[in-house]
PDB file of N, CA and C in Angstrom:
ATOM      1  N   UNK A   1      84.943 -15.679 -22.466  1.00  0.00           N
ATOM      2  CA  UNK A   1      84.911 -17.108 -22.316  1.00  0.00           C
ATOM      3  C   UNK A   1      83.600 -17.676 -22.948  1.00  0.00           C
ATOM      4  N   UNK A   2      83.697 -18.848 -23.583  1.00  0.00           N
ATOM      5  CA  UNK A   2      82.500 -19.458 -24.085  1.00  0.00           C
ATOM      6  C   UNK A   2      81.952 -20.422 -23.027  1.00  0.00           C
ATOM      7  N   UNK A   3      80.775 -20.948 -23.272  1.00  0.00           N
ATOM      8  CA  UNK A   3      80.094 -21.794 -22.255  1.00  0.00           C
ATOM      9  C   UNK A   3      80.933 -23.008 -21.818  1.00  0.00           C
ATOM     10  N   UNK A   4      81.546 -23.608 -22.789  1.00  0.00           N
ATOM     11  CA  UNK A   4      82.407 -24.801 -22.430  1.00  0.00           C
ATOM     12  C   UNK A   4      83.585 -24.360 -21.548  1.00  0.00           C
ATOM     13  N   UNK A   5      84.180 -23.224 -21.840  1.00  0.00           N
ATOM     14  CA  UNK A   5      85.272 -22.771 -21.003  1.00  0.00           C
ATOM     15  C   UNK A   5      84.780 -22.397 -19.600  1.00  0.00           C
ATOM     16  N   UNK A   6      83.568 -21.790 -19.503  1.00  0.00           N
ATOM     17  CA  UNK A   6      83.045 -21.422 -18.210  1.00  0.00           C
ATOM     18  C   UNK A   6      82.786 -22.690 -17.398  1.00  0.00           C
ATOM     19  N   UNK A   7      82.173 -23.714 -18.036  1.00  0.00           N
ATOM     20  CA  UNK A   7      81.866 -24.951 -17.320  1.00  0.00           C
ATOM     21  C   UNK A   7      83.198 -25.709 -16.939  1.00  0.00           C
ATOM     22  N   UNK A   8      84.114 -25.778 -17.842  1.00  0.00           N
ATOM     23  CA  UNK A   8      85.379 -26.419 -17.556  1.00  0.00           C
ATOM     24  C   UNK A   8      86.124 -25.752 -16.421  1.00  0.00           C
ATOM     25  N   UNK A   9      86.111 -24.412 -16.426  1.00  0.00           N
ATOM     26  CA  UNK A   9      86.766 -23.704 -15.362  1.00  0.00           C
ATOM     27  C   UNK A   9      86.083 -23.871 -13.986  1.00  0.00           C
ATOM     28  N   UNK A  10      84.714 -23.883 -14.064  1.00  0.00           N
ATOM     29  CA  UNK A  10      83.952 -24.123 -12.840  1.00  0.00           C
ATOM     30  C   UNK A  10      84.229 -25.515 -12.326  1.00  0.00           C
ATOM     31  N   UNK A  11      84.289 -26.491 -13.198  1.00  0.00           N
ATOM     32  CA  UNK A  11      84.571 -27.873 -12.770  1.00  0.00           C
ATOM     33  C   UNK A  11      85.984 -27.923 -12.110  1.00  0.00           C
ATOM     34  N   UNK A  12      86.938 -27.314 -12.730  1.00  0.00           N
ATOM     35  CA  UNK A  12      88.272 -27.270 -12.139  1.00  0.00           C
ATOM     36  C   UNK A  12      88.285 -26.639 -10.751  1.00  0.00           C
ATOM     37  N   UNK A  13      87.455 -25.593 -10.607  1.00  0.00           N
ATOM     38  CA  UNK A  13      87.422 -24.874  -9.335  1.00  0.00           C
ATOM     39  C   UNK A  13      86.759 -25.740  -8.245  1.00  0.00           C
ATOM     40  N   UNK A  14      85.577 -26.250  -8.543  1.00  0.00           N
ATOM     41  CA  UNK A  14      84.799 -26.927  -7.485  1.00  0.00           C
ATOM     42  C   UNK A  14      85.244 -28.348  -7.255  1.00  0.00           C
ATOM     43  N   UNK A  15      85.888 -28.946  -8.208  1.00  0.00           N
ATOM     44  CA  UNK A  15      86.319 -30.353  -8.020  1.00  0.00           C
ATOM     45  C   UNK A  15      87.792 -30.451  -7.526  1.00  0.00           C
ATOM     46  N   UNK A  16      88.539 -29.448  -7.678  1.00  0.00           N
ATOM     47  CA  UNK A  16      89.952 -29.551  -7.232  1.00  0.00           C
ATOM     48  C   UNK A  16      90.407 -28.338  -6.454  1.00  0.00           C
ATOM     49  N   UNK A  17      90.447 -27.179  -7.124  1.00  0.00           N
ATOM     50  CA  UNK A  17      91.029 -25.992  -6.501  1.00  0.00           C
ATOM     51  C   UNK A  17      90.353 -25.600  -5.197  1.00  0.00           C
ATOM     52  N   UNK A  18      89.066 -25.319  -5.238  1.00  0.00           N
ATOM     53  CA  UNK A  18      88.363 -24.860  -4.053  1.00  0.00           C
ATOM     54  C   UNK A  18      88.348 -25.902  -2.960  1.00  0.00           C
ATOM     55  N   UNK A  19      88.147 -27.147  -3.370  1.00  0.00           N
ATOM     56  CA  UNK A  19      88.072 -28.197  -2.374  1.00  0.00           C
ATOM     57  C   UNK A  19      89.378 -28.351  -1.594  1.00  0.00           C
ATOM     58  N   UNK A  20      90.526 -28.213  -2.319  1.00  0.00           N
ATOM     59  CA  UNK A  20      91.779 -28.324  -1.628  1.00  0.00           C
ATOM     60  C   UNK A  20      92.022 -27.092  -0.727  1.00  0.00           C
ATOM     61  N   UNK A  21      91.456 -25.955  -1.084  1.00  0.00           N
ATOM     62  CA  UNK A  21      91.636 -24.739  -0.350  1.00  0.00           C
ATOM     63  C   UNK A  21      90.677 -24.589   0.866  1.00  0.00           C
ATOM     64  N   UNK A  22      89.392 -25.048   0.654  1.00  0.00           N
ATOM     65  CA  UNK A  22      88.388 -24.752   1.671  1.00  0.00           C
ATOM     66  C   UNK A  22      87.722 -26.005   2.208  1.00  0.00           C
ATOM     67  N   UNK A  23      88.050 -27.152   1.742  1.00  0.00           N
ATOM     68  CA  UNK A  23      87.373 -28.434   2.165  1.00  0.00           C
ATOM     69  C   UNK A  23      86.219 -28.714   1.254  1.00  0.00           C
ATOM     70  N   UNK A  24      85.492 -29.776   1.602  1.00  0.00           N
ATOM     71  CA  UNK A  24      84.321 -30.192   0.777  1.00  0.00           C
ATOM     72  C   UNK A  24      83.198 -29.179   0.872  1.00  0.00           C
ATOM     73  N   UNK A  25      82.407 -29.095  -0.209  1.00  0.00           N
ATOM     74  CA  UNK A  25      81.243 -28.213  -0.125  1.00  0.00           C
ATOM     75  C   UNK A  25      80.250 -28.620   1.011  1.00  0.00           C
ATOM     76  N   UNK A  26      80.133 -29.871   1.286  1.00  0.00           N
ATOM     77  CA  UNK A  26      79.268 -30.343   2.349  1.00  0.00           C
ATOM     78  C   UNK A  26      79.704 -29.723   3.659  1.00  0.00           C
ATOM     79  N   UNK A  27      80.995 -29.755   3.928  1.00  0.00           N
ATOM     80  CA  UNK A  27      81.483 -29.193   5.204  1.00  0.00           C
ATOM     81  C   UNK A  27      81.438 -27.662   5.271  1.00  0.00           C
ATOM     82  N   UNK A  28      81.965 -27.052   4.194  1.00  0.00           N
ATOM     83  CA  UNK A  28      82.063 -25.593   4.259  1.00  0.00           C
ATOM     84  C   UNK A  28      80.679 -24.947   4.163  1.00  0.00           C
ATOM     85  N   UNK A  29      79.768 -25.452   3.332  1.00  0.00           N
ATOM     86  CA  UNK A  29      78.442 -24.848   3.175  1.00  0.00           C
ATOM     87  C   UNK A  29      77.612 -25.120   4.465  1.00  0.00           C
ATOM     88  N   UNK A  30      77.877 -26.239   5.096  1.00  0.00           N
ATOM     89  CA  UNK A  30      77.174 -26.521   6.379  1.00  0.00           C
ATOM     90  C   UNK A  30      77.590 -25.529   7.408  1.00  0.00           C
ATOM     91  N   UNK A  31      78.877 -25.237   7.499  1.00  0.00           N
ATOM     92  CA  UNK A  31      79.420 -24.256   8.471  1.00  0.00           C
ATOM     93  C   UNK A  31      78.890 -22.850   8.163  1.00  0.00           C
ATOM     94  N   UNK A  32      78.848 -22.496   6.873  1.00  0.00           N
ATOM     95  CA  UNK A  32      78.344 -21.193   6.469  1.00  0.00           C
ATOM     96  C   UNK A  32      76.846 -21.095   6.902  1.00  0.00           C
ATOM     97  N   UNK A  33      76.116 -22.138   6.625  1.00  0.00           N
ATOM     98  CA  UNK A  33      74.694 -22.155   6.949  1.00  0.00           C
ATOM     99  C   UNK A  33      74.439 -21.973   8.414  1.00  0.00           C
ATOM    100  N   UNK A  34      75.230 -22.662   9.250  1.00  0.00           N
ATOM    101  CA  UNK A  34      75.047 -22.477  10.718  1.00  0.00           C
ATOM    102  C   UNK A  34      75.423 -21.076  11.154  1.00  0.00           C
ATOM    103  N   UNK A  35      76.460 -20.479  10.611  1.00  0.00           N
ATOM    104  CA  UNK A  35      76.814 -19.119  10.940  1.00  0.00           C
ATOM    105  C   UNK A  35      75.717 -18.169  10.511  1.00  0.00           C
ATOM    106  N   UNK A  36      75.154 -18.330   9.315  1.00  0.00           N
ATOM    107  CA  UNK A  36      74.055 -17.476   8.878  1.00  0.00           C
ATOM    108  C   UNK A  36      72.807 -17.669   9.780  1.00  0.00           C
ATOM    109  N   UNK A  37      72.521 -18.914  10.172  1.00  0.00           N
ATOM    110  CA  UNK A  37      71.384 -19.160  11.077  1.00  0.00           C
ATOM    111  C   UNK A  37      71.576 -18.410  12.388  1.00  0.00           C
ATOM    112  N   UNK A  38      72.795 -18.478  12.940  1.00  0.00           N
ATOM    113  CA  UNK A  38      73.024 -17.773  14.191  1.00  0.00           C
ATOM    114  C   UNK A  38      72.892 -16.244  14.064  1.00  0.00           C
ATOM    115  N   UNK A  39      73.411 -15.731  12.977  1.00  0.00           N
ATOM    116  CA  UNK A  39      73.270 -14.314  12.697  1.00  0.00           C
ATOM    117  C   UNK A  39      71.820 -13.902  12.578  1.00  0.00           C
ATOM    118  N   UNK A  40      71.109 -14.637  11.741  1.00  0.00           N
ATOM    119  CA  UNK A  40      69.672 -14.315  11.564  1.00  0.00           C
ATOM    120  C   UNK A  40      68.834 -14.514  12.842  1.00  0.00           C
ATOM    121  N   UNK A  41      69.170 -15.538  13.576  1.00  0.00           N
ATOM    122  CA  UNK A  41      68.462 -15.769  14.854  1.00  0.00           C
ATOM    123  C   UNK A  41      68.686 -14.599  15.832  1.00  0.00           C
ATOM    124  N   UNK A  42      69.829 -14.043  15.870  1.00  0.00           N
ATOM    125  CA  UNK A  42      70.150 -12.889  16.741  1.00  0.00           C
ATOM    126  C   UNK A  42      69.330 -11.654  16.279  1.00  0.00           C
ATOM    127  N   UNK A  43      68.868 -11.658  15.030  1.00  0.00           N
ATOM    128  CA  UNK A  43      68.071 -10.584  14.516  1.00  0.00           C
ATOM    129  C   UNK A  43      66.554 -10.932  14.599  1.00  0.00           C
ATOM    130  N   UNK A  44      66.249 -12.042  15.206  1.00  0.00           N
ATOM    131  CA  UNK A  44      64.855 -12.450  15.380  1.00  0.00           C
ATOM    132  C   UNK A  44      64.243 -13.281  14.302  1.00  0.00           C
ATOM    133  N   UNK A  45      65.063 -13.833  13.457  1.00  0.00           N
ATOM    134  CA  UNK A  45      64.583 -14.656  12.334  1.00  0.00           C
ATOM    135  C   UNK A  45      65.074 -16.113  12.514  1.00  0.00           C
ATOM    136  N   UNK A  46      64.175 -17.028  12.776  1.00  0.00           N
ATOM    137  CA  UNK A  46      64.515 -18.428  12.897  1.00  0.00           C
ATOM    138  C   UNK A  46      64.487 -19.077  11.489  1.00  0.00           C
ATOM    139  N   UNK A  47      65.583 -19.607  11.109  1.00  0.00           N
ATOM    140  CA  UNK A  47      65.647 -20.299   9.799  1.00  0.00           C
ATOM    141  C   UNK A  47      66.406 -21.607   9.991  1.00  0.00           C
ATOM    142  N   UNK A  48      66.141 -22.512   9.047  1.00  0.00           N
ATOM    143  CA  UNK A  48      66.877 -23.795   9.021  1.00  0.00           C
ATOM    144  C   UNK A  48      67.508 -23.875   7.644  1.00  0.00           C
ATOM    145  N   UNK A  49      68.767 -23.577   7.568  1.00  0.00           N
ATOM    146  CA  UNK A  49      69.460 -23.548   6.273  1.00  0.00           C
ATOM    147  C   UNK A  49      70.202 -24.824   6.076  1.00  0.00           C
ATOM    148  N   UNK A  50      69.989 -25.442   4.915  1.00  0.00           N
ATOM    149  CA  UNK A  50      70.713 -26.641   4.494  1.00  0.00           C
ATOM    150  C   UNK A  50      71.875 -26.207   3.597  1.00  0.00           C
ATOM    151  N   UNK A  51      72.873 -27.070   3.447  1.00  0.00           N
ATOM    152  CA  UNK A  51      73.991 -26.706   2.520  1.00  0.00           C
ATOM    153  C   UNK A  51      73.535 -26.299   1.160  1.00  0.00           C
ATOM    154  N   UNK A  52      72.482 -26.916   0.581  1.00  0.00           N
ATOM    155  CA  UNK A  52      72.071 -26.543  -0.748  1.00  0.00           C
ATOM    156  C   UNK A  52      71.457 -25.135  -0.750  1.00  0.00           C
ATOM    157  N   UNK A  53      70.861 -24.707   0.382  1.00  0.00           N
ATOM    158  CA  UNK A  53      70.330 -23.367   0.519  1.00  0.00           C
ATOM    159  C   UNK A  53      71.542 -22.333   0.441  1.00  0.00           C
ATOM    160  N   UNK A  54      72.668 -22.669   1.059  1.00  0.00           N
ATOM    161  CA  UNK A  54      73.841 -21.838   1.039  1.00  0.00           C
ATOM    162  C   UNK A  54      74.295 -21.706  -0.427  1.00  0.00           C
ATOM    163  N   UNK A  55      74.347 -22.808  -1.132  1.00  0.00           N
ATOM    164  CA  UNK A  55      74.779 -22.742  -2.547  1.00  0.00           C
ATOM    165  C   UNK A  55      73.818 -21.847  -3.364  1.00  0.00           C
ATOM    166  N   UNK A  56      72.529 -21.998  -3.113  1.00  0.00           N
ATOM    167  CA  UNK A  56      71.571 -21.132  -3.844  1.00  0.00           C
ATOM    168  C   UNK A  56      71.751 -19.669  -3.513  1.00  0.00           C
ATOM    169  N   UNK A  57      71.984 -19.342  -2.257  1.00  0.00           N
ATOM    170  CA  UNK A  57      72.158 -17.952  -1.877  1.00  0.00           C
ATOM    171  C   UNK A  57      73.471 -17.384  -2.363  1.00  0.00           C
ATOM    172  N   UNK A  58      74.521 -18.227  -2.444  1.00  0.00           N
ATOM    173  CA  UNK A  58      75.775 -17.754  -3.032  1.00  0.00           C
ATOM    174  C   UNK A  58      75.612 -17.531  -4.475  1.00  0.00           C
ATOM    175  N   UNK A  59      74.776 -18.365  -5.155  1.00  0.00           N
ATOM    176  CA  UNK A  59      74.493 -18.147  -6.550  1.00  0.00           C
ATOM    177  C   UNK A  59      73.769 -16.815  -6.740  1.00  0.00           C
ATOM    178  N   UNK A  60      72.841 -16.519  -5.845  1.00  0.00           N
ATOM    179  CA  UNK A  60      72.104 -15.236  -5.889  1.00  0.00           C
ATOM    180  C   UNK A  60      73.082 -14.018  -5.734  1.00  0.00           C
ATOM    181  N   UNK A  61      74.075 -14.208  -4.882  1.00  0.00           N
ATOM    182  CA  UNK A  61      75.094 -13.161  -4.808  1.00  0.00           C
ATOM    183  C   UNK A  61      75.807 -12.911  -6.136  1.00  0.00           C
ATOM    184  N   UNK A  62      76.115 -13.946  -6.794  1.00  0.00           N
ATOM    185  CA  UNK A  62      76.755 -13.813  -8.105  1.00  0.00           C
ATOM    186  C   UNK A  62      75.779 -13.171  -9.141  1.00  0.00           C
ATOM    187  N   UNK A  63      74.526 -13.581  -9.076  1.00  0.00           N
ATOM    188  CA  UNK A  63      73.523 -12.992  -9.963  1.00  0.00           C
ATOM    189  C   UNK A  63      73.371 -11.480  -9.678  1.00  0.00           C
ATOM    190  N   UNK A  64      73.400 -11.116  -8.405  1.00  0.00           N
ATOM    191  CA  UNK A  64      73.292  -9.701  -8.045  1.00  0.00           C
ATOM    192  C   UNK A  64      74.456  -8.925  -8.604  1.00  0.00           C
ATOM    193  N   UNK A  65      75.665  -9.453  -8.524  1.00  0.00           N
ATOM    194  CA  UNK A  65      76.840  -8.795  -9.102  1.00  0.00           C
ATOM    195  C   UNK A  65      76.684  -8.628 -10.600  1.00  0.00           C
ATOM    196  N   UNK A  66      76.181  -9.653 -11.264  1.00  0.00           N
ATOM    197  CA  UNK A  66      75.981  -9.550 -12.716  1.00  0.00           C
ATOM    198  C   UNK A  66      74.902  -8.561 -13.023  1.00  0.00           C
ATOM    199  N   UNK A  67      73.835  -8.539 -12.245  1.00  0.00           N
ATOM    200  CA  UNK A  67      72.695  -7.613 -12.483  1.00  0.00           C
ATOM    201  C   UNK A  67      73.100  -6.162 -12.315  1.00  0.00           C
ATOM    202  N   UNK A  68      74.108  -5.918 -11.471  1.00  0.00           N
ATOM    203  CA  UNK A  68      74.460  -4.472 -11.242  1.00  0.00           C
ATOM    204  C   UNK A  68      75.423  -3.975 -12.352  1.00  0.00           C
ATOM    205  N   UNK A  69      75.679  -4.832 -13.343  1.00  0.00           N
ATOM    206  CA  UNK A  69      76.520  -4.373 -14.429  1.00  0.00           C
ATOM    207  C   UNK A  69      78.009  -4.591 -14.112  1.00  0.00           C
ATOM    208  N   UNK A  70      78.286  -5.288 -13.056  1.00  0.00           N
ATOM    209  CA  UNK A  70      79.676  -5.538 -12.675  1.00  0.00           C
ATOM    210  C   UNK A  70      80.068  -6.988 -12.911  1.00  0.00           C
ATOM    211  N   UNK A  71      79.354  -7.612 -13.813  1.00  0.00           N
ATOM    212  CA  UNK A  71      79.592  -9.074 -14.141  1.00  0.00           C
ATOM    213  C   UNK A  71      80.956  -9.207 -14.779  1.00  0.00           C
ATOM    214  N   UNK A  72      81.650 -10.184 -14.330  1.00  0.00           N
ATOM    215  CA  UNK A  72      82.921 -10.572 -14.957  1.00  0.00           C
ATOM    216  C   UNK A  72      82.862 -12.061 -15.236  1.00  0.00           C
ATOM    217  N   UNK A  73      83.736 -12.583 -16.020  1.00  0.00           N
ATOM    218  CA  UNK A  73      83.815 -14.007 -16.307  1.00  0.00           C
ATOM    219  C   UNK A  73      83.825 -14.839 -15.007  1.00  0.00           C
ATOM    220  N   UNK A  74      84.545 -14.327 -13.997  1.00  0.00           N
ATOM    221  CA  UNK A  74      84.674 -14.999 -12.732  1.00  0.00           C
ATOM    222  C   UNK A  74      83.262 -15.207 -12.086  1.00  0.00           C
ATOM    223  N   UNK A  75      82.384 -14.223 -12.180  1.00  0.00           N
ATOM    224  CA  UNK A  75      81.062 -14.360 -11.619  1.00  0.00           C
ATOM    225  C   UNK A  75      80.274 -15.475 -12.333  1.00  0.00           C
ATOM    226  N   UNK A  76      80.429 -15.590 -13.594  1.00  0.00           N
ATOM    227  CA  UNK A  76      79.709 -16.676 -14.328  1.00  0.00           C
ATOM    228  C   UNK A  76      80.270 -18.047 -14.013  1.00  0.00           C
ATOM    229  N   UNK A  77      81.614 -18.112 -13.830  1.00  0.00           N
ATOM    230  CA  UNK A  77      82.282 -19.390 -13.405  1.00  0.00           C
ATOM    231  C   UNK A  77      81.768 -19.782 -12.046  1.00  0.00           C
ATOM    232  N   UNK A  78      81.791 -18.822 -11.150  1.00  0.00           N
ATOM    233  CA  UNK A  78      81.357 -19.132  -9.754  1.00  0.00           C
ATOM    234  C   UNK A  78      79.877 -19.533  -9.687  1.00  0.00           C
ATOM    235  N   UNK A  79      79.030 -18.851 -10.509  1.00  0.00           N
ATOM    236  CA  UNK A  79      77.643 -19.165 -10.572  1.00  0.00           C
ATOM    237  C   UNK A  79      77.428 -20.609 -11.010  1.00  0.00           C
ATOM    238  N   UNK A  80      78.167 -21.016 -12.043  1.00  0.00           N
ATOM    239  CA  UNK A  80      78.048 -22.422 -12.523  1.00  0.00           C
ATOM    240  C   UNK A  80      78.575 -23.373 -11.421  1.00  0.00           C
ATOM    241  N   UNK A  81      79.631 -23.042 -10.735  1.00  0.00           N
ATOM    242  CA  UNK A  81      80.142 -23.841  -9.665  1.00  0.00           C
ATOM    243  C   UNK A  81      79.151 -24.016  -8.541  1.00  0.00           C
ATOM    244  N   UNK A  82      78.516 -22.895  -8.103  1.00  0.00           N
ATOM    245  CA  UNK A  82      77.530 -22.974  -6.996  1.00  0.00           C
ATOM    246  C   UNK A  82      76.306 -23.815  -7.415  1.00  0.00           C
ATOM    247  N   UNK A  83      75.910 -23.688  -8.686  1.00  0.00           N
ATOM    248  CA  UNK A  83      74.808 -24.488  -9.170  1.00  0.00           C
ATOM    249  C   UNK A  83      75.161 -25.988  -9.098  1.00  0.00           C
ATOM    250  N   UNK A  84      76.350 -26.334  -9.530  1.00  0.00           N
ATOM    251  CA  UNK A  84      76.745 -27.727  -9.492  1.00  0.00           C
ATOM    252  C   UNK A  84      76.837 -28.236  -8.083  1.00  0.00           C
ATOM    253  N   UNK A  85      77.425 -27.453  -7.187  1.00  0.00           N
ATOM    254  CA  UNK A  85      77.489 -27.913  -5.766  1.00  0.00           C
ATOM    255  C   UNK A  85      76.114 -28.012  -5.156  1.00  0.00           C
ATOM    256  N   UNK A  86      75.234 -26.998  -5.446  1.00  0.00           N
ATOM    257  CA  UNK A  86      73.885 -27.046  -4.896  1.00  0.00           C
ATOM    258  C   UNK A  86      73.108 -28.254  -5.345  1.00  0.00           C
ATOM    259  N   UNK A  87      73.199 -28.595  -6.606  1.00  0.00           N
ATOM    260  CA  UNK A  87      72.506 -29.763  -7.145  1.00  0.00           C
ATOM    261  C   UNK A  87      73.020 -31.015  -6.483  1.00  0.00           C
ATOM    262  N   UNK A  88      74.311 -31.144  -6.315  1.00  0.00           N
ATOM    263  CA  UNK A  88      74.921 -32.327  -5.651  1.00  0.00           C
ATOM    264  C   UNK A  88      74.498 -32.417  -4.204  1.00  0.00           C
ATOM    265  N   UNK A  89      74.547 -31.290  -3.507  1.00  0.00           N
ATOM    266  CA  UNK A  89      74.250 -31.259  -2.067  1.00  0.00           C
ATOM    267  C   UNK A  89      72.771 -31.605  -1.860  1.00  0.00           C
ATOM    268  N   UNK A  90      71.868 -31.069  -2.687  1.00  0.00           N
ATOM    269  CA  UNK A  90      70.451 -31.396  -2.549  1.00  0.00           C
ATOM    270  C   UNK A  90      70.222 -32.906  -2.741  1.00  0.00           C
ATOM    271  N   UNK A  91      70.937 -33.479  -3.705  1.00  0.00           N
ATOM    272  CA  UNK A  91      70.830 -34.888  -3.941  1.00  0.00           C
ATOM    273  C   UNK A  91      71.278 -35.666  -2.747  1.00  0.00           C
ATOM    274  N   UNK A  92      72.394 -35.253  -2.129  1.00  0.00           N
ATOM    275  CA  UNK A  92      72.946 -35.909  -0.898  1.00  0.00           C
ATOM    276  C   UNK A  92      71.982 -35.773   0.302  1.00  0.00           C
ATOM    277  N   UNK A  93      71.323 -34.609   0.371  1.00  0.00           N
ATOM    278  CA  UNK A  93      70.378 -34.336   1.457  1.00  0.00           C
ATOM    279  C   UNK A  93      69.124 -35.070   1.396  1.00  0.00           C
ATOM    280  N   UNK A  94      68.641 -35.353   0.127  1.00  0.00           N
ATOM    281  CA  UNK A  94      67.372 -35.997  -0.102  1.00  0.00           C
ATOM    282  C   UNK A  94      67.521 -37.183  -0.993  1.00  0.00           C
ATOM    283  N   UNK A  95      68.323 -38.190  -0.701  1.00  0.00           N
ATOM    284  CA  UNK A  95      68.586 -39.274  -1.677  1.00  0.00           C
ATOM    285  C   UNK A  95      67.337 -40.024  -2.068  1.00  0.00           C
ATOM    286  N   UNK A  96      66.456 -40.282  -1.129  1.00  0.00           N
ATOM    287  CA  UNK A  96      65.255 -41.049  -1.457  1.00  0.00           C
ATOM    288  C   UNK A  96      64.350 -40.254  -2.439  1.00  0.00           C
ATOM    289  N   UNK A  97      64.139 -38.997  -2.077  1.00  0.00           N
ATOM    290  CA  UNK A  97      63.244 -38.177  -2.949  1.00  0.00           C
ATOM    291  C   UNK A  97      63.808 -38.067  -4.369  1.00  0.00           C
ATOM    292  N   UNK A  98      65.111 -37.880  -4.482  1.00  0.00           N
ATOM    293  CA  UNK A  98      65.702 -37.701  -5.790  1.00  0.00           C
ATOM    294  C   UNK A  98      65.815 -38.970  -6.560  1.00  0.00           C
ATOM    295  N   UNK A  99      66.030 -40.124  -5.919  1.00  0.00           N
ATOM    296  CA  UNK A  99      66.040 -41.392  -6.584  1.00  0.00           C
ATOM    297  C   UNK A  99      64.646 -41.724  -7.118  1.00  0.00           C
ATOM    298  N   UNK A 100      63.613 -41.420  -6.272  1.00  0.00           N
ATOM    299  CA  UNK A 100      62.228 -41.639  -6.698  1.00  0.00           C
ATOM    300  C   UNK A 100      61.881 -40.816  -7.896  1.00  0.00           C
ATOM    301  N   UNK A 101      62.342 -39.538  -7.914  1.00  0.00           N
ATOM    302  CA  UNK A 101      62.061 -38.650  -9.021  1.00  0.00           C
ATOM    303  C   UNK A 101      62.736 -39.154 -10.290  1.00  0.00           C
ATOM    304  N   UNK A 102      63.989 -39.647 -10.150  1.00  0.00           N
ATOM    305  CA  UNK A 102      64.737 -40.177 -11.321  1.00  0.00           C
ATOM    306  C   UNK A 102      64.070 -41.395 -11.955  1.00  0.00           C
ATOM    307  N   UNK A 103      63.569 -42.315 -11.088  1.00  0.00           N
ATOM    308  CA  UNK A 103      62.975 -43.544 -11.587  1.00  0.00           C
ATOM    309  C   UNK A 103      61.571 -43.306 -12.150  1.00  0.00           C
ATOM    310  N   UNK A 104      60.890 -42.294 -11.792  1.00  0.00           N
ATOM    311  CA  UNK A 104      59.522 -41.993 -12.293  1.00  0.00           C
ATOM    312  C   UNK A 104      59.493 -41.228 -13.626  1.00  0.00           C
ATOM    313  N   UNK A 105      60.661 -40.817 -14.055  1.00  0.00           N
ATOM    314  CA  UNK A 105      60.744 -40.048 -15.305  1.00  0.00           C
ATOM    315  C   UNK A 105      60.769 -40.941 -16.554  1.00  0.00           C
TER     316      UNK A 105
END
């Protein structure tokens, strides 16, 4: 796959396919974050995970798969999708900070 195909496929996945299967990234990543917080808390680690943190850690999972030599086109597509979701989620979580950053550039 070339980069345009990867991005187009990721867009199709995150904007239609995955959302119809799993719900919005805001909702599903928030749920995943809460479950991870509970798990880590039971192990003695208090964390506060935001939905964009979940996107970043899911991206790291894909990077780990790629790094082990088991990368497939699907991993690159998913990585692009997690990056897009994470960027949007962070913007939603910090609208004032991000608007201020955009206007100061």
